[in-house]
Amino acid sequence: MVAIATVAIFALVQPLQGQPATVPLTDLAFFRNPGKSWQIAGDVTADLQQQNALRVSQGQGVLVNAPARKKPGQDLLTVAEYGDQDVELDFMMARGSNSGIYLQGLYEVQLADSWGETKITAASVGGIYERWDEKRPSGRQGYEGYVARQNAGRAPGLWQHLKISFQAPRFDASGKKVENAKMLWVELNGTVIHENVELSGPTRGAISSDEKATGPLRFQGDHGAVAFRN
């Protein structure tokens, strides 16, 4: 039987052994060696007069990546690892910012300020980011990216709601992969933007090229300011 974890940053419907049923955002103890750009806050707003800027208020309940000017932030990984999982959370993008959520640290659902974009790509908000192979011909290194069905993103500074149902890859007793990972569905702001998308391997920027039955949830922090809450 495969345990399914529902992570609502981070509430577990069927908690795996040793994991809390709900993880309150009161500190960063749930994460591996968090970098200085990450903090717990009480509230956050976007400075719409500046690119990539969030204003943070003291308190608890909001996870914020707010890199210093001209200094990139760091990615944030959970201590816990997950197989099949349903992820549900709110996120807020700074103006012009870019982030992402990597299921198992390997498969990215893109987060970005895509407000007003009429021609979206796999790099726009809600896209499943492309895979990458340097050995492929120039201009074709990126492949198997999946564009959201529509641009369901909201303006920077507004909270947005994301739901992901993810099926982990399957392996036989010898460790050979027998079934690819799959995004069963992804919903952004009440709109289903992906269904039954099979993932043949890790997307670009994954923490490893090796696929496993479980892995950490990873929040991209090296591209811009972003906030998350339950």
Foldseek 3Di string as FASTA:
>chain_A
DFQEAEQAVHAGPRDDPPDDRHDWFQFQPQWDPADPQKTAADDKFADQVDAQAIDTHHDGFKIKRRDDPPAFGAKIWGPDKHFWYKYKWKKAGHHQFWKWKDRLLFKTQIQGQCPPPPDDDLNYHRKGAWAADPPDDPPPRTDDIGTFPGPPDDHGGDIKIKIWGKHAFDADPVRHTDAFIWTQWIDIRRRIGDHTRGDPFGHPPGPDRDGDRIHIIMMGGRTGIMMMGD
